Amino acid sequence: MAGDNMSEVTDSNFKQEVLESNIPVLVDFWAPWCMPCFMVAPAVEAIAKENVGKLKVVKLNTDESPSIASNYGITGIPTLLLFNKGKDVERIVGARPKEQIVNIIESYLS
């Protein structure tokens, strides 16, 4: 489900890819059975393509990596978490239009 400027993260590479990133990271928590996840996917993919070098966008399948989702209190999907300097700084729950997502995260994009 990951696209050109996106990658999948799991329990094994979450720390390296997200927490240790030197640019902000938008994590898309999703699952293959979640229809709203597929509804928000095009917006997330567009944000990834438009912010190459300023923002890393990754997807985390909550069925395959439930411990990460649990660690961050993800109780519903889709949930987007924005990490900056290893800390989760913004949380977007539910399928939202691209413009709303951009408005929430744009102050972290340099």
N, C-alpha and C. Protein backbone atom coordinates (compact mmCIF):
# COMPACT_ATOMS: atom_id res chain seq x y z
N MET A 1 0.82 -1.20 0.00
CA MET A 1 0.00 0.00 0.00
C MET A 1 0.86 1.27 0.00
N ALA A 2 2.15 1.14 0.25
CA ALA A 2 3.01 2.32 0.23
C ALA A 2 3.31 2.72 -1.21
N GLY A 3 3.42 4.01 -1.45
CA GLY A 3 3.67 4.51 -2.80
C GLY A 3 5.11 4.93 -3.00
N ASP A 4 5.33 5.76 -4.03
CA ASP A 4 6.68 6.14 -4.43
C ASP A 4 7.49 6.82 -3.34
N ASN A 5 6.92 7.81 -2.68
CA ASN A 5 7.66 8.57 -1.67
C ASN A 5 7.26 8.16 -0.26
N MET A 6 6.80 6.92 -0.15
CA MET A 6 6.35 6.43 1.14
C MET A 6 6.97 5.06 1.38
N SER A 7 7.07 4.69 2.64
CA SER A 7 7.57 3.35 2.96
C SER A 7 6.74 2.78 4.10
N GLU A 8 6.84 1.48 4.25
CA GLU A 8 6.17 0.79 5.35
C GLU A 8 7.13 0.75 6.54
N VAL A 9 6.61 0.93 7.74
CA VAL A 9 7.40 0.73 8.94
C VAL A 9 6.75 -0.37 9.77
N THR A 10 7.58 -1.02 10.57
CA THR A 10 7.14 -2.11 11.43
C THR A 10 7.77 -1.93 12.80
N ASP A 11 7.47 -2.87 13.69
CA ASP A 11 8.09 -2.83 15.02
C ASP A 11 9.61 -2.78 14.91
N SER A 12 10.17 -3.49 13.93
CA SER A 12 11.63 -3.62 13.85
C SER A 12 12.33 -2.36 13.35
N ASN A 13 11.68 -1.53 12.53
CA ASN A 13 12.38 -0.35 12.01
C ASN A 13 11.73 0.98 12.40
N PHE A 14 10.73 0.95 13.26
CA PHE A 14 10.03 2.17 13.65
C PHE A 14 10.97 3.18 14.31
N LYS A 15 11.79 2.72 15.23
CA LYS A 15 12.70 3.63 15.94
C LYS A 15 13.63 4.33 14.95
N GLN A 16 14.25 3.55 14.07
CA GLN A 16 15.20 4.11 13.11
C GLN A 16 14.51 5.04 12.11
N GLU A 17 13.39 4.61 11.54
CA GLU A 17 12.74 5.37 10.47
C GLU A 17 11.96 6.58 10.98
N VAL A 18 11.40 6.48 12.17
CA VAL A 18 10.52 7.55 12.67
C VAL A 18 11.18 8.35 13.78
N LEU A 19 11.53 7.70 14.87
CA LEU A 19 12.03 8.41 16.04
C LEU A 19 13.40 9.04 15.83
N GLU A 20 14.22 8.44 14.98
CA GLU A 20 15.57 8.96 14.75
C GLU A 20 15.69 9.79 13.47
N SER A 21 14.57 10.07 12.82
CA SER A 21 14.58 10.85 11.58
C SER A 21 14.99 12.29 11.85
N ASN A 22 15.76 12.88 10.93
CA ASN A 22 16.17 14.27 11.10
C ASN A 22 15.18 15.24 10.45
N ILE A 23 14.10 14.72 9.85
CA ILE A 23 13.01 15.56 9.36
C ILE A 23 11.70 15.03 9.95
N PRO A 24 10.66 15.86 9.99
CA PRO A 24 9.38 15.39 10.54
C PRO A 24 8.88 14.14 9.78
N VAL A 25 8.16 13.29 10.50
CA VAL A 25 7.64 12.05 9.92
C VAL A 25 6.14 11.98 10.20
N LEU A 26 5.38 11.76 9.13
CA LEU A 26 3.94 11.54 9.25
C LEU A 26 3.71 10.04 9.16
N VAL A 27 3.17 9.46 10.23
CA VAL A 27 2.91 8.02 10.27
C VAL A 27 1.42 7.80 10.06
N ASP A 28 1.10 7.01 9.04
CA ASP A 28 -0.28 6.65 8.72
C ASP A 28 -0.55 5.27 9.31
N PHE A 29 -1.31 5.22 10.39
CA PHE A 29 -1.70 3.95 11.01
C PHE A 29 -2.93 3.44 10.26
N TRP A 30 -2.84 2.25 9.68
CA TRP A 30 -3.90 1.72 8.83
C TRP A 30 -3.98 0.20 8.96
N ALA A 31 -5.00 -0.38 8.33
CA ALA A 31 -5.12 -1.83 8.24
C ALA A 31 -5.84 -2.15 6.92
N PRO A 32 -5.58 -3.34 6.36
CA PRO A 32 -6.15 -3.68 5.06
C PRO A 32 -7.67 -3.76 5.04
N TRP A 33 -8.31 -3.98 6.17
CA TRP A 33 -9.76 -4.09 6.24
C TRP A 33 -10.46 -2.75 6.48
N CYS A 34 -9.70 -1.68 6.63
CA CYS A 34 -10.23 -0.37 7.03
C CYS A 34 -10.55 0.47 5.79
N MET A 35 -11.83 0.58 5.46
CA MET A 35 -12.22 1.36 4.27
C MET A 35 -11.88 2.85 4.40
N PRO A 36 -12.10 3.50 5.57
CA PRO A 36 -11.69 4.91 5.68
C PRO A 36 -10.19 5.11 5.47
N CYS A 37 -9.39 4.08 5.77
CA CYS A 37 -7.94 4.17 5.54
C CYS A 37 -7.66 4.33 4.05
N PHE A 38 -8.41 3.60 3.23
CA PHE A 38 -8.24 3.71 1.79
C PHE A 38 -8.76 5.05 1.27
N MET A 39 -9.73 5.62 1.97
CA MET A 39 -10.26 6.93 1.56
C MET A 39 -9.23 8.04 1.80
N VAL A 40 -8.46 7.96 2.87
CA VAL A 40 -7.48 9.00 3.18
C VAL A 40 -6.15 8.77 2.47
N ALA A 41 -5.92 7.57 1.97
CA ALA A 41 -4.63 7.22 1.35
C ALA A 41 -4.22 8.16 0.21
N PRO A 42 -5.10 8.54 -0.72
CA PRO A 42 -4.66 9.44 -1.79
C PRO A 42 -4.18 10.80 -1.26
N ALA A 43 -4.81 11.31 -0.23
CA ALA A 43 -4.38 12.59 0.36
C ALA A 43 -3.00 12.44 0.98
N VAL A 44 -2.79 11.34 1.70
CA VAL A 44 -1.50 11.10 2.35
C VAL A 44 -0.41 10.93 1.29
N GLU A 45 -0.71 10.21 0.22
CA GLU A 45 0.26 10.01 -0.85
C GLU A 45 0.60 11.32 -1.53
N ALA A 46 -0.39 12.18 -1.75
CA ALA A 46 -0.14 13.49 -2.36
C ALA A 46 0.74 14.35 -1.46
N ILE A 47 0.49 14.34 -0.17
CA ILE A 47 1.31 15.09 0.78
C ILE A 47 2.75 14.59 0.73
N ALA A 48 2.93 13.27 0.63
CA ALA A 48 4.28 12.70 0.55
C ALA A 48 5.01 13.21 -0.69
N LYS A 49 4.33 13.19 -1.83
CA LYS A 49 4.94 13.62 -3.10
C LYS A 49 5.27 15.11 -3.09
N GLU A 50 4.44 15.91 -2.44
CA GLU A 50 4.62 17.36 -2.44
C GLU A 50 5.66 17.85 -1.43
N ASN A 51 6.09 16.97 -0.53
CA ASN A 51 6.99 17.41 0.54
C ASN A 51 8.27 16.58 0.63
N VAL A 52 8.71 16.06 -0.50
CA VAL A 52 9.95 15.27 -0.52
C VAL A 52 11.09 16.13 0.03
N GLY A 53 11.84 15.57 0.97
CA GLY A 53 12.96 16.29 1.57
C GLY A 53 12.57 17.11 2.78
N LYS A 54 11.28 17.44 2.93
CA LYS A 54 10.82 18.21 4.08
C LYS A 54 10.05 17.36 5.08
N LEU A 55 9.48 16.25 4.57
CA LEU A 55 8.62 15.40 5.38
C LEU A 55 8.77 13.97 4.90
N LYS A 56 8.96 13.06 5.85
CA LYS A 56 8.94 11.63 5.53
C LYS A 56 7.54 11.13 5.86
N VAL A 57 6.98 10.33 4.96
CA VAL A 57 5.65 9.76 5.18
C VAL A 57 5.78 8.25 5.16
N VAL A 58 5.30 7.61 6.22
CA VAL A 58 5.38 6.16 6.33
C VAL A 58 4.02 5.60 6.73
N LYS A 59 3.82 4.33 6.41
CA LYS A 59 2.58 3.65 6.76
C LYS A 59 2.90 2.52 7.74
N LEU A 60 2.04 2.35 8.73
CA LEU A 60 2.22 1.28 9.70
C LEU A 60 0.92 0.47 9.76
N ASN A 61 1.02 -0.79 9.37
CA ASN A 61 -0.13 -1.70 9.40
C ASN A 61 -0.35 -2.12 10.86
N THR A 62 -1.46 -1.70 11.44
CA THR A 62 -1.71 -1.96 12.86
C THR A 62 -1.94 -3.45 13.15
N ASP A 63 -2.35 -4.21 12.14
CA ASP A 63 -2.50 -5.66 12.33
C ASP A 63 -1.15 -6.34 12.46
N GLU A 64 -0.14 -5.82 11.73
CA GLU A 64 1.19 -6.44 11.73
C GLU A 64 2.09 -5.89 12.82
N SER A 65 1.84 -4.68 13.29
CA SER A 65 2.66 -4.05 14.33
C SER A 65 1.79 -3.46 15.43
N PRO A 66 1.02 -4.32 16.12
CA PRO A 66 0.08 -3.80 17.12
C PRO A 66 0.76 -3.13 18.31
N SER A 67 2.00 -3.52 18.64
CA SER A 67 2.63 -2.94 19.83
C SER A 67 2.93 -1.45 19.64
N ILE A 68 3.33 -1.05 18.44
CA ILE A 68 3.59 0.37 18.19
C ILE A 68 2.28 1.15 18.31
N ALA A 69 1.22 0.64 17.69
CA ALA A 69 -0.08 1.31 17.77
C ALA A 69 -0.53 1.43 19.22
N SER A 70 -0.33 0.37 19.99
CA SER A 70 -0.71 0.38 21.40
C SER A 70 0.13 1.38 22.19
N ASN A 71 1.43 1.44 21.92
CA ASN A 71 2.33 2.37 22.61
C ASN A 71 1.88 3.81 22.45
N TYR A 72 1.29 4.13 21.30
CA TYR A 72 0.88 5.51 21.03
C TYR A 72 -0.62 5.73 21.20
N GLY A 73 -1.30 4.76 21.81
CA GLY A 73 -2.71 4.93 22.14
C GLY A 73 -3.62 5.01 20.92
N ILE A 74 -3.25 4.31 19.86
CA ILE A 74 -4.08 4.31 18.65
C ILE A 74 -5.26 3.38 18.90
N THR A 75 -6.45 3.95 19.01
CA THR A 75 -7.64 3.13 19.28
C THR A 75 -8.57 3.08 18.08
N GLY A 76 -8.36 3.95 17.11
CA GLY A 76 -9.17 3.95 15.90
C GLY A 76 -8.30 4.29 14.71
N ILE A 77 -8.63 3.72 13.56
CA ILE A 77 -7.87 4.04 12.36
C ILE A 77 -8.84 4.47 11.27
N PRO A 78 -8.41 5.29 10.35
CA PRO A 78 -7.04 5.77 10.20
C PRO A 78 -6.69 6.82 11.26
N THR A 79 -5.45 6.79 11.70
CA THR A 79 -4.89 7.83 12.55
C THR A 79 -3.56 8.23 11.95
N LEU A 80 -3.34 9.53 11.83
CA LEU A 80 -2.06 10.06 11.38
C LEU A 80 -1.39 10.69 12.58
N LEU A 81 -0.15 10.29 12.84
CA LEU A 81 0.64 10.92 13.89
C LEU A 81 1.82 11.61 13.24
N LEU A 82 2.05 12.86 13.61
CA LEU A 82 3.21 13.59 13.13
C LEU A 82 4.27 13.57 14.22
N PHE A 83 5.45 13.08 13.85
CA PHE A 83 6.58 13.04 14.78
C PHE A 83 7.58 14.10 14.35
N ASN A 84 8.09 14.84 15.33
CA ASN A 84 9.12 15.84 15.08
C ASN A 84 10.17 15.67 16.16
N LYS A 85 11.40 15.42 15.75
CA LYS A 85 12.52 15.21 16.68
C LYS A 85 12.21 14.09 17.67
N GLY A 86 11.57 13.01 17.18
CA GLY A 86 11.33 11.83 17.99
C GLY A 86 10.10 11.88 18.88
N LYS A 87 9.36 12.98 18.83
CA LYS A 87 8.16 13.10 19.68
C LYS A 87 6.93 13.24 18.80
N ASP A 88 5.82 12.61 19.25
CA ASP A 88 4.57 12.79 18.51
C ASP A 88 3.98 14.14 18.90
N VAL A 89 3.80 15.00 17.89
CA VAL A 89 3.40 16.39 18.13
C VAL A 89 2.00 16.72 17.63
N GLU A 90 1.48 15.93 16.69
CA GLU A 90 0.13 16.16 16.17
C GLU A 90 -0.54 14.81 15.94
N ARG A 91 -1.85 14.77 16.14
CA ARG A 91 -2.64 13.54 15.96
C ARG A 91 -3.89 13.89 15.17
N ILE A 92 -4.10 13.18 14.08
CA ILE A 92 -5.27 13.39 13.23
C ILE A 92 -6.00 12.06 13.15
N VAL A 93 -7.21 12.00 13.71
CA VAL A 93 -7.97 10.76 13.77
C VAL A 93 -9.11 10.82 12.76
N GLY A 94 -9.25 9.75 11.98
CA GLY A 94 -10.32 9.67 11.01
C GLY A 94 -9.88 10.18 9.64
N ALA A 95 -10.67 9.84 8.64
CA ALA A 95 -10.39 10.28 7.27
C ALA A 95 -10.68 11.77 7.17
N ARG A 96 -9.68 12.54 6.81
CA ARG A 96 -9.82 13.99 6.67
C ARG A 96 -9.41 14.41 5.27
N PRO A 97 -9.93 15.53 4.78
CA PRO A 97 -9.48 16.02 3.48
C PRO A 97 -8.02 16.46 3.55
N LYS A 98 -7.37 16.41 2.42
CA LYS A 98 -5.95 16.77 2.34
C LYS A 98 -5.69 18.15 2.94
N GLU A 99 -6.53 19.13 2.63
CA GLU A 99 -6.32 20.50 3.11
C GLU A 99 -6.27 20.56 4.63
N GLN A 100 -7.14 19.81 5.30
CA GLN A 100 -7.13 19.79 6.77
C GLN A 100 -5.84 19.20 7.30
N ILE A 101 -5.37 18.13 6.68
CA ILE A 101 -4.12 17.49 7.11
C ILE A 101 -2.96 18.46 6.94
N VAL A 102 -2.89 19.11 5.78
CA VAL A 102 -1.81 20.06 5.49
C VAL A 102 -1.85 21.21 6.50
N ASN A 103 -3.03 21.73 6.80
CA ASN A 103 -3.14 22.84 7.75
C ASN A 103 -2.59 22.48 9.12
N ILE A 104 -2.78 21.22 9.52
CA ILE A 104 -2.32 20.77 10.83
C ILE A 104 -0.81 20.58 10.86
N ILE A 105 -0.23 20.08 9.77
CA ILE A 105 1.19 19.72 9.81
C ILE A 105 2.12 20.79 9.22
N GLU A 106 1.58 21.79 8.50
CA GLU A 106 2.44 22.69 7.75
C GLU A 106 3.42 23.50 8.60
N SER A 107 3.08 23.78 9.84
CA SER A 107 4.01 24.57 10.67
C SER A 107 5.29 23.80 10.99
N TYR A 108 5.27 22.48 10.81
CA TYR A 108 6.47 21.67 11.09
C TYR A 108 7.35 21.47 9.85
N LEU A 109 6.86 21.89 8.69
CA LEU A 109 7.60 21.70 7.45
C LEU A 109 8.45 22.95 7.19
N SER A 110 9.76 22.75 7.11
CA SER A 110 10.63 23.93 6.92
C SER A 110 11.03 24.09 5.47
